Amino acid sequence: MTQASPTPGNGTGTPTVEERSQEFRPVTGGATETSSAEGLLITAYVLMWAILMGFLYLTFRRQAAVDKRLGELERALPKRSDA
């Protein structure tokens, strides 16, 4: 088992007050945000609505094809029973 190395600070192995600080320190020279949260939220909502509308469109198309095929089968059924 390895022992943790002492934290640099005052030489006693305990961190200094500045090293233990919990306050916010902004990073300088870091990457800046390129997208706002509002823009991302609007984009997500638009994308979800577009996916939903596409799904509904495809569902209605498939249902129309099923209805058409069912109509053809219903018309063919009496002809077959008469023969």
PDB file of N, CA and C in Angstrom:
ATOM      1  N   MET A   1       0.848  -1.171   0.000  1.00  0.00           N
ATOM      2  CA  MET A   1       0.000   0.000   0.000  1.00  0.00           C
ATOM      3  C   MET A   1       0.891   1.230   0.000  1.00  0.00           C
ATOM      4  N   THR A   2       0.570   2.171  -0.893  1.00  0.00           N
ATOM      5  CA  THR A   2       1.398   3.367  -0.976  1.00  0.00           C
ATOM      6  C   THR A   2       0.795   4.469  -0.137  1.00  0.00           C
ATOM      7  N   GLN A   3       1.688   5.259   0.436  1.00  0.00           N
ATOM      8  CA  GLN A   3       1.243   6.373   1.270  1.00  0.00           C
ATOM      9  C   GLN A   3       1.161   7.620   0.399  1.00  0.00           C
ATOM     10  N   ALA A   4       0.121   8.420   0.626  1.00  0.00           N
ATOM     11  CA  ALA A   4      -0.046   9.640  -0.155  1.00  0.00           C
ATOM     12  C   ALA A   4       1.085  10.598   0.153  1.00  0.00           C
ATOM     13  N   SER A   5       1.574  11.233  -0.892  1.00  0.00           N
ATOM     14  CA  SER A   5       2.652  12.193  -0.675  1.00  0.00           C
ATOM     15  C   SER A   5       2.096  13.428   0.011  1.00  0.00           C
ATOM     16  N   PRO A   6       2.892  14.056   0.871  1.00  0.00           N
ATOM     17  CA  PRO A   6       2.397  15.240   1.584  1.00  0.00           C
ATOM     18  C   PRO A   6       2.068  16.359   0.615  1.00  0.00           C
ATOM     19  N   THR A   7       1.052  17.097   0.973  1.00  0.00           N
ATOM     20  CA  THR A   7       0.625  18.209   0.144  1.00  0.00           C
ATOM     21  C   THR A   7       1.612  19.355   0.302  1.00  0.00           C
ATOM     22  N   PRO A   8       2.018  19.955  -0.828  1.00  0.00           N
ATOM     23  CA  PRO A   8       2.927  21.093  -0.693  1.00  0.00           C
ATOM     24  C   PRO A   8       2.237  22.219   0.060  1.00  0.00           C
ATOM     25  N   GLY A   9       2.962  22.920   0.836  1.00  0.00           N
ATOM     26  CA  GLY A   9       2.370  24.021   1.593  1.00  0.00           C
ATOM     27  C   GLY A   9       3.364  24.569   2.583  1.00  0.00           C
ATOM     28  N   ASN A  10       3.064  24.384   3.844  1.00  0.00           N
ATOM     29  CA  ASN A  10       3.888  24.998   4.873  1.00  0.00           C
ATOM     30  C   ASN A  10       5.007  24.074   5.354  1.00  0.00           C
ATOM     31  N   GLY A  11       5.209  22.954   4.723  1.00  0.00           N
ATOM     32  CA  GLY A  11       6.300  22.064   5.078  1.00  0.00           C
ATOM     33  C   GLY A  11       5.918  21.006   6.105  1.00  0.00           C
ATOM     34  N   THR A  12       4.746  21.117   6.709  1.00  0.00           N
ATOM     35  CA  THR A  12       4.327  20.140   7.710  1.00  0.00           C
ATOM     36  C   THR A  12       3.458  19.047   7.101  1.00  0.00           C
ATOM     37  N   GLY A  13       3.159  19.159   5.840  1.00  0.00           N
ATOM     38  CA  GLY A  13       2.323  18.165   5.191  1.00  0.00           C
ATOM     39  C   GLY A  13       0.860  18.553   5.163  1.00  0.00           C
ATOM     40  N   THR A  14       0.501  19.613   5.838  1.00  0.00           N
ATOM     41  CA  THR A  14      -0.882  20.085   5.799  1.00  0.00           C
ATOM     42  C   THR A  14      -0.981  21.242   4.832  1.00  0.00           C
ATOM     43  N   PRO A  15      -2.052  21.296   4.050  1.00  0.00           N
ATOM     44  CA  PRO A  15      -2.187  22.391   3.074  1.00  0.00           C
ATOM     45  C   PRO A  15      -2.423  23.732   3.773  1.00  0.00           C
ATOM     46  N   THR A  16      -2.032  24.785   3.094  1.00  0.00           N
ATOM     47  CA  THR A  16      -2.247  26.130   3.642  1.00  0.00           C
ATOM     48  C   THR A  16      -3.695  26.533   3.450  1.00  0.00           C
ATOM     49  N   VAL A  17      -4.073  27.624   4.061  1.00  0.00           N
ATOM     50  CA  VAL A  17      -5.443  28.120   3.968  1.00  0.00           C
ATOM     51  C   VAL A  17      -5.796  28.408   2.515  1.00  0.00           C
ATOM     52  N   GLU A  18      -4.867  28.989   1.758  1.00  0.00           N
ATOM     53  CA  GLU A  18      -5.128  29.307   0.358  1.00  0.00           C
ATOM     54  C   GLU A  18      -5.349  28.042  -0.468  1.00  0.00           C
ATOM     55  N   GLU A  19      -4.624  26.979  -0.140  1.00  0.00           N
ATOM     56  CA  GLU A  19      -4.771  25.732  -0.892  1.00  0.00           C
ATOM     57  C   GLU A  19      -6.074  25.016  -0.552  1.00  0.00           C
ATOM     58  N   ARG A  20      -6.590  25.231   0.661  1.00  0.00           N
ATOM     59  CA  ARG A  20      -7.842  24.597   1.082  1.00  0.00           C
ATOM     60  C   ARG A  20      -9.058  25.441   0.732  1.00  0.00           C
ATOM     61  N   SER A  21      -8.848  26.582   0.164  1.00  0.00           N
ATOM     62  CA  SER A  21      -9.931  27.514  -0.109  1.00  0.00           C
ATOM     63  C   SER A  21     -10.985  26.890  -1.022  1.00  0.00           C
ATOM     64  N   GLN A  22     -12.243  27.144  -0.724  1.00  0.00           N
ATOM     65  CA  GLN A  22     -13.362  26.630  -1.503  1.00  0.00           C
ATOM     66  C   GLN A  22     -13.990  27.717  -2.364  1.00  0.00           C
ATOM     67  N   GLU A  23     -13.402  28.903  -2.373  1.00  0.00           N
ATOM     68  CA  GLU A  23     -14.001  29.996  -3.130  1.00  0.00           C
ATOM     69  C   GLU A  23     -13.770  29.817  -4.623  1.00  0.00           C
ATOM     70  N   PHE A  24     -14.591  30.518  -5.386  1.00  0.00           N
ATOM     71  CA  PHE A  24     -14.516  30.449  -6.842  1.00  0.00           C
ATOM     72  C   PHE A  24     -13.312  31.224  -7.337  1.00  0.00           C
ATOM     73  N   ARG A  25     -12.537  30.575  -8.200  1.00  0.00           N
ATOM     74  CA  ARG A  25     -11.409  31.236  -8.845  1.00  0.00           C
ATOM     75  C   ARG A  25     -11.573  31.065 -10.349  1.00  0.00           C
ATOM     76  N   PRO A  26     -11.883  32.137 -11.076  1.00  0.00           N
ATOM     77  CA  PRO A  26     -12.084  31.995 -12.519  1.00  0.00           C
ATOM     78  C   PRO A  26     -10.782  31.606 -13.215  1.00  0.00           C
ATOM     79  N   VAL A  27     -10.937  30.804 -14.253  1.00  0.00           N
ATOM     80  CA  VAL A  27      -9.785  30.373 -15.031  1.00  0.00           C
ATOM     81  C   VAL A  27      -9.494  31.442 -16.066  1.00  0.00           C
ATOM     82  N   THR A  28      -8.271  31.858 -16.129  1.00  0.00           N
ATOM     83  CA  THR A  28      -7.899  32.856 -17.129  1.00  0.00           C
ATOM     84  C   THR A  28      -7.237  32.152 -18.304  1.00  0.00           C
ATOM     85  N   GLY A  29      -7.573  32.611 -19.485  1.00  0.00           N
ATOM     86  CA  GLY A  29      -6.974  32.053 -20.688  1.00  0.00           C
ATOM     87  C   GLY A  29      -7.586  30.734 -21.125  1.00  0.00           C
ATOM     88  N   GLY A  30      -8.678  30.314 -20.500  1.00  0.00           N
ATOM     89  CA  GLY A  30      -9.323  29.064 -20.878  1.00  0.00           C
ATOM     90  C   GLY A  30     -10.188  29.255 -22.111  1.00  0.00           C
ATOM     91  N   ALA A  31     -10.753  28.168 -22.565  1.00  0.00           N
ATOM     92  CA  ALA A  31     -11.637  28.229 -23.725  1.00  0.00           C
ATOM     93  C   ALA A  31     -12.906  28.983 -23.356  1.00  0.00           C
ATOM     94  N   THR A  32     -13.389  29.774 -24.258  1.00  0.00           N
ATOM     95  CA  THR A  32     -14.623  30.518 -24.009  1.00  0.00           C
ATOM     96  C   THR A  32     -15.803  29.735 -24.550  1.00  0.00           C
ATOM     97  N   GLU A  33     -16.970  29.992 -23.989  1.00  0.00           N
ATOM     98  CA  GLU A  33     -18.174  29.314 -24.465  1.00  0.00           C
ATOM     99  C   GLU A  33     -18.498  29.804 -25.867  1.00  0.00           C
ATOM    100  N   THR A  34     -18.873  28.886 -26.720  1.00  0.00           N
ATOM    101  CA  THR A  34     -19.199  29.267 -28.089  1.00  0.00           C
ATOM    102  C   THR A  34     -20.695  29.233 -28.346  1.00  0.00           C
ATOM    103  N   SER A  35     -21.481  28.590 -27.457  1.00  0.00           N
ATOM    104  CA  SER A  35     -22.927  28.487 -27.646  1.00  0.00           C
ATOM    105  C   SER A  35     -23.628  28.909 -26.374  1.00  0.00           C
ATOM    106  N   SER A  36     -24.712  29.634 -26.546  1.00  0.00           N
ATOM    107  CA  SER A  36     -25.484  30.020 -25.368  1.00  0.00           C
ATOM    108  C   SER A  36     -26.451  28.902 -25.013  1.00  0.00           C
ATOM    109  N   ALA A  37     -26.842  28.853 -23.775  1.00  0.00           N
ATOM    110  CA  ALA A  37     -27.776  27.818 -23.325  1.00  0.00           C
ATOM    111  C   ALA A  37     -29.140  27.998 -23.993  1.00  0.00           C
ATOM    112  N   GLU A  38     -29.549  29.241 -24.200  1.00  0.00           N
ATOM    113  CA  GLU A  38     -30.844  29.492 -24.828  1.00  0.00           C
ATOM    114  C   GLU A  38     -30.869  28.951 -26.257  1.00  0.00           C
ATOM    115  N   GLY A  39     -29.797  29.181 -26.975  1.00  0.00           N
ATOM    116  CA  GLY A  39     -29.715  28.683 -28.347  1.00  0.00           C
ATOM    117  C   GLY A  39     -29.742  27.170 -28.410  1.00  0.00           C
ATOM    118  N   LEU A  40     -29.032  26.534 -27.482  1.00  0.00           N
ATOM    119  CA  LEU A  40     -29.021  25.080 -27.447  1.00  0.00           C
ATOM    120  C   LEU A  40     -30.393  24.531 -27.087  1.00  0.00           C
ATOM    121  N   LEU A  41     -31.085  25.192 -26.166  1.00  0.00           N
ATOM    122  CA  LEU A  41     -32.420  24.747 -25.764  1.00  0.00           C
ATOM    123  C   LEU A  41     -33.400  24.861 -26.926  1.00  0.00           C
ATOM    124  N   ILE A  42     -33.366  25.974 -27.626  1.00  0.00           N
ATOM    125  CA  ILE A  42     -34.258  26.169 -28.779  1.00  0.00           C
ATOM    126  C   ILE A  42     -33.947  25.139 -29.859  1.00  0.00           C
ATOM    127  N   THR A  43     -32.669  24.902 -30.104  1.00  0.00           N
ATOM    128  CA  THR A  43     -32.274  23.904 -31.093  1.00  0.00           C
ATOM    129  C   THR A  43     -32.785  22.523 -30.708  1.00  0.00           C
ATOM    130  N   ALA A  44     -32.685  22.175 -29.434  1.00  0.00           N
ATOM    131  CA  ALA A  44     -33.161  20.866 -28.973  1.00  0.00           C
ATOM    132  C   ALA A  44     -34.670  20.745 -29.152  1.00  0.00           C
ATOM    133  N   TYR A  45     -35.424  21.789 -28.801  1.00  0.00           N
ATOM    134  CA  TYR A  45     -36.878  21.738 -28.972  1.00  0.00           C
ATOM    135  C   TYR A  45     -37.269  21.633 -30.447  1.00  0.00           C
ATOM    136  N   VAL A  46     -36.626  22.404 -31.305  1.00  0.00           N
ATOM    137  CA  VAL A  46     -36.926  22.352 -32.735  1.00  0.00           C
ATOM    138  C   VAL A  46     -36.608  20.961 -33.281  1.00  0.00           C
ATOM    139  N   LEU A  47     -35.492  20.407 -32.872  1.00  0.00           N
ATOM    140  CA  LEU A  47     -35.112  19.071 -33.335  1.00  0.00           C
ATOM    141  C   LEU A  47     -36.114  18.024 -32.860  1.00  0.00           C
ATOM    142  N   MET A  48     -36.541  18.100 -31.616  1.00  0.00           N
ATOM    143  CA  MET A  48     -37.514  17.127 -31.107  1.00  0.00           C
ATOM    144  C   MET A  48     -38.849  17.249 -31.838  1.00  0.00           C
ATOM    145  N   TRP A  49     -39.317  18.471 -32.096  1.00  0.00           N
ATOM    146  CA  TRP A  49     -40.575  18.653 -32.832  1.00  0.00           C
ATOM    147  C   TRP A  49     -40.446  18.142 -34.260  1.00  0.00           C
ATOM    148  N   ALA A  50     -39.299  18.383 -34.885  1.00  0.00           N
ATOM    149  CA  ALA A  50     -39.091  17.904 -36.252  1.00  0.00           C
ATOM    150  C   ALA A  50     -39.100  16.376 -36.294  1.00  0.00           C
ATOM    151  N   ILE A  51     -38.458  15.754 -35.329  1.00  0.00           N
ATOM    152  CA  ILE A  51     -38.462  14.287 -35.272  1.00  0.00           C
ATOM    153  C   ILE A  51     -39.879  13.775 -35.061  1.00  0.00           C
ATOM    154  N   LEU A  52     -40.629  14.411 -34.171  1.00  0.00           N
ATOM    155  CA  LEU A  52     -42.012  13.994 -33.912  1.00  0.00           C
ATOM    156  C   LEU A  52     -42.877  14.147 -35.160  1.00  0.00           C
ATOM    157  N   MET A  53     -42.748  15.275 -35.849  1.00  0.00           N
ATOM    158  CA  MET A  53     -43.551  15.498 -37.055  1.00  0.00           C
ATOM    159  C   MET A  53     -43.164  14.495 -38.151  1.00  0.00           C
ATOM    160  N   GLY A  54     -41.885  14.196 -38.292  1.00  0.00           N
ATOM    161  CA  GLY A  54     -41.457  13.200 -39.262  1.00  0.00           C
ATOM    162  C   GLY A  54     -42.002  11.823 -38.927  1.00  0.00           C
ATOM    163  N   PHE A  55     -41.995  11.467 -37.653  1.00  0.00           N
ATOM    164  CA  PHE A  55     -42.541  10.186 -37.221  1.00  0.00           C
ATOM    165  C   PHE A  55     -44.038  10.110 -37.525  1.00  0.00           C
ATOM    166  N   LEU A  56     -44.761  11.185 -37.215  1.00  0.00           N
ATOM    167  CA  LEU A  56     -46.203  11.196 -37.486  1.00  0.00           C
ATOM    168  C   LEU A  56     -46.493  11.115 -38.983  1.00  0.00           C
ATOM    169  N   TYR A  57     -45.716  11.822 -39.788  1.00  0.00           N
ATOM    170  CA  TYR A  57     -45.890  11.779 -41.240  1.00  0.00           C
ATOM    171  C   TYR A  57     -45.687  10.361 -41.765  1.00  0.00           C
ATOM    172  N   LEU A  58     -44.608   9.718 -41.326  1.00  0.00           N
ATOM    173  CA  LEU A  58     -44.346   8.348 -41.778  1.00  0.00           C
ATOM    174  C   LEU A  58     -45.424   7.386 -41.292  1.00  0.00           C
ATOM    175  N   THR A  59     -45.928   7.595 -40.086  1.00  0.00           N
ATOM    176  CA  THR A  59     -46.987   6.742 -39.552  1.00  0.00           C
ATOM    177  C   THR A  59     -48.260   6.881 -40.378  1.00  0.00           C
ATOM    178  N   PHE A  60     -48.644   8.119 -40.728  1.00  0.00           N
ATOM    179  CA  PHE A  60     -49.845   8.326 -41.540  1.00  0.00           C
ATOM    180  C   PHE A  60     -49.679   7.740 -42.935  1.00  0.00           C
ATOM    181  N   ARG A  61     -48.485   7.848 -43.509  1.00  0.00           N
ATOM    182  CA  ARG A  61     -48.240   7.242 -44.824  1.00  0.00           C
ATOM    183  C   ARG A  61     -48.383   5.734 -44.768  1.00  0.00           C
ATOM    184  N   ARG A  62     -47.804   5.124 -43.736  1.00  0.00           N
ATOM    185  CA  ARG A  62     -47.910   3.671 -43.604  1.00  0.00           C
ATOM    186  C   ARG A  62     -49.358   3.253 -43.379  1.00  0.00           C
ATOM    187  N   GLN A  63     -50.090   4.039 -42.580  1.00  0.00           N
ATOM    188  CA  GLN A  63     -51.492   3.716 -42.315  1.00  0.00           C
ATOM    189  C   GLN A  63     -52.310   3.818 -43.597  1.00  0.00           C
ATOM    190  N   ALA A  64     -52.022   4.809 -44.427  1.00  0.00           N
ATOM    191  CA  ALA A  64     -52.735   4.943 -45.698  1.00  0.00           C
ATOM    192  C   ALA A  64     -52.452   3.742 -46.595  1.00  0.00           C
ATOM    193  N   ALA A  65     -51.206   3.273 -46.595  1.00  0.00           N
ATOM    194  CA  ALA A  65     -50.867   2.100 -47.413  1.00  0.00           C
ATOM    195  C   ALA A  65     -51.587   0.856 -46.888  1.00  0.00           C
ATOM    196  N   VAL A  66     -51.683   0.732 -45.576  1.00  0.00           N
ATOM    197  CA  VAL A  66     -52.387  -0.415 -44.992  1.00  0.00           C
ATOM    198  C   VAL A  66     -53.870  -0.334 -45.323  1.00  0.00           C
ATOM    199  N   ASP A  67     -54.465   0.861 -45.224  1.00  0.00           N
ATOM    200  CA  ASP A  67     -55.880   1.031 -45.566  1.00  0.00           C
ATOM    201  C   ASP A  67     -56.145   0.689 -47.033  1.00  0.00           C
ATOM    202  N   LYS A  68     -55.239   1.115 -47.899  1.00  0.00           N
ATOM    203  CA  LYS A  68     -55.390   0.820 -49.324  1.00  0.00           C
ATOM    204  C   LYS A  68     -55.329  -0.683 -49.564  1.00  0.00           C
ATOM    205  N   ARG A  69     -54.376  -1.340 -48.949  1.00  0.00           N
ATOM    206  CA  ARG A  69     -54.236  -2.790 -49.117  1.00  0.00           C
ATOM    207  C   ARG A  69     -55.435  -3.520 -48.529  1.00  0.00           C
ATOM    208  N   LEU A  70     -55.942  -3.054 -47.400  1.00  0.00           N
ATOM    209  CA  LEU A  70     -57.112  -3.674 -46.789  1.00  0.00           C
ATOM    210  C   LEU A  70     -58.327  -3.528 -47.701  1.00  0.00           C
ATOM    211  N   GLY A  71     -58.478  -2.370 -48.321  1.00  0.00           N
ATOM    212  CA  GLY A  71     -59.576  -2.169 -49.269  1.00  0.00           C
ATOM    213  C   GLY A  71     -59.477  -3.119 -50.449  1.00  0.00           C
ATOM    214  N   GLU A  72     -58.262  -3.299 -50.972  1.00  0.00           N
ATOM    215  CA  GLU A  72     -58.061  -4.236 -52.074  1.00  0.00           C
ATOM    216  C   GLU A  72     -58.418  -5.662 -51.653  1.00  0.00           C
ATOM    217  N   LEU A  73     -58.030  -6.044 -50.462  1.00  0.00           N
ATOM    218  CA  LEU A  73     -58.331  -7.391 -49.982  1.00  0.00           C
ATOM    219  C   LEU A  73     -59.827  -7.577 -49.747  1.00  0.00           C
ATOM    220  N   GLU A  74     -60.499  -6.541 -49.246  1.00  0.00           N
ATOM    221  CA  GLU A  74     -61.947  -6.635 -49.025  1.00  0.00           C
ATOM    222  C   GLU A  74     -62.691  -6.754 -50.352  1.00  0.00           C
ATOM    223  N   ARG A  75     -62.227  -6.058 -51.389  1.00  0.00           N
ATOM    224  CA  ARG A  75     -62.850  -6.169 -52.701  1.00  0.00           C
ATOM    225  C   ARG A  75     -62.588  -7.535 -53.325  1.00  0.00           C
ATOM    226  N   ALA A  76     -61.422  -8.097 -53.055  1.00  0.00           N
ATOM    227  CA  ALA A  76     -61.071  -9.398 -53.629  1.00  0.00           C
ATOM    228  C   ALA A  76     -61.745 -10.550 -52.896  1.00  0.00           C
ATOM    229  N   LEU A  77     -62.114 -10.353 -51.667  1.00  0.00           N
ATOM    230  CA  LEU A  77     -62.708 -11.423 -50.870  1.00  0.00           C
ATOM    231  C   LEU A  77     -64.064 -11.895 -51.410  1.00  0.00           C
ATOM    232  N   PRO A  78     -65.018 -11.015 -51.730  1.00  0.00           N
ATOM    233  CA  PRO A  78     -66.276 -11.505 -52.284  1.00  0.00           C
ATOM    234  C   PRO A  78     -66.091 -12.220 -53.630  1.00  0.00           C
ATOM    235  N   LYS A  79     -65.197 -11.752 -54.449  1.00  0.00           N
ATOM    236  CA  LYS A  79     -64.941 -12.398 -55.733  1.00  0.00           C
ATOM    237  C   LYS A  79     -64.445 -13.814 -55.506  1.00  0.00           C
ATOM    238  N   ARG A  80     -63.642 -14.009 -54.546  1.00  0.00           N
ATOM    239  CA  ARG A  80     -63.050 -15.329 -54.295  1.00  0.00           C
ATOM    240  C   ARG A  80     -64.115 -16.285 -53.709  1.00  0.00           C
ATOM    241  N   SER A  81     -64.986 -15.777 -52.853  1.00  0.00           N
ATOM    242  CA  SER A  81     -65.999 -16.651 -52.262  1.00  0.00           C
ATOM    243  C   SER A  81     -67.066 -17.046 -53.288  1.00  0.00           C
ATOM    244  N   ASP A  82     -67.283 -16.228 -54.308  1.00  0.00           N
ATOM    245  CA  ASP A  82     -68.273 -16.551 -55.351  1.00  0.00           C
ATOM    246  C   ASP A  82     -67.768 -17.663 -56.268  1.00  0.00           C
ATOM    247  N   ALA A  83     -66.480 -17.769 -56.426  1.00  0.00           N
ATOM    248  CA  ALA A  83     -65.930 -18.728 -57.382  1.00  0.00           C
ATOM    249  C   ALA A  83     -65.985 -20.149 -56.894  1.00  0.00           C
TER     250      ALA A  83
END
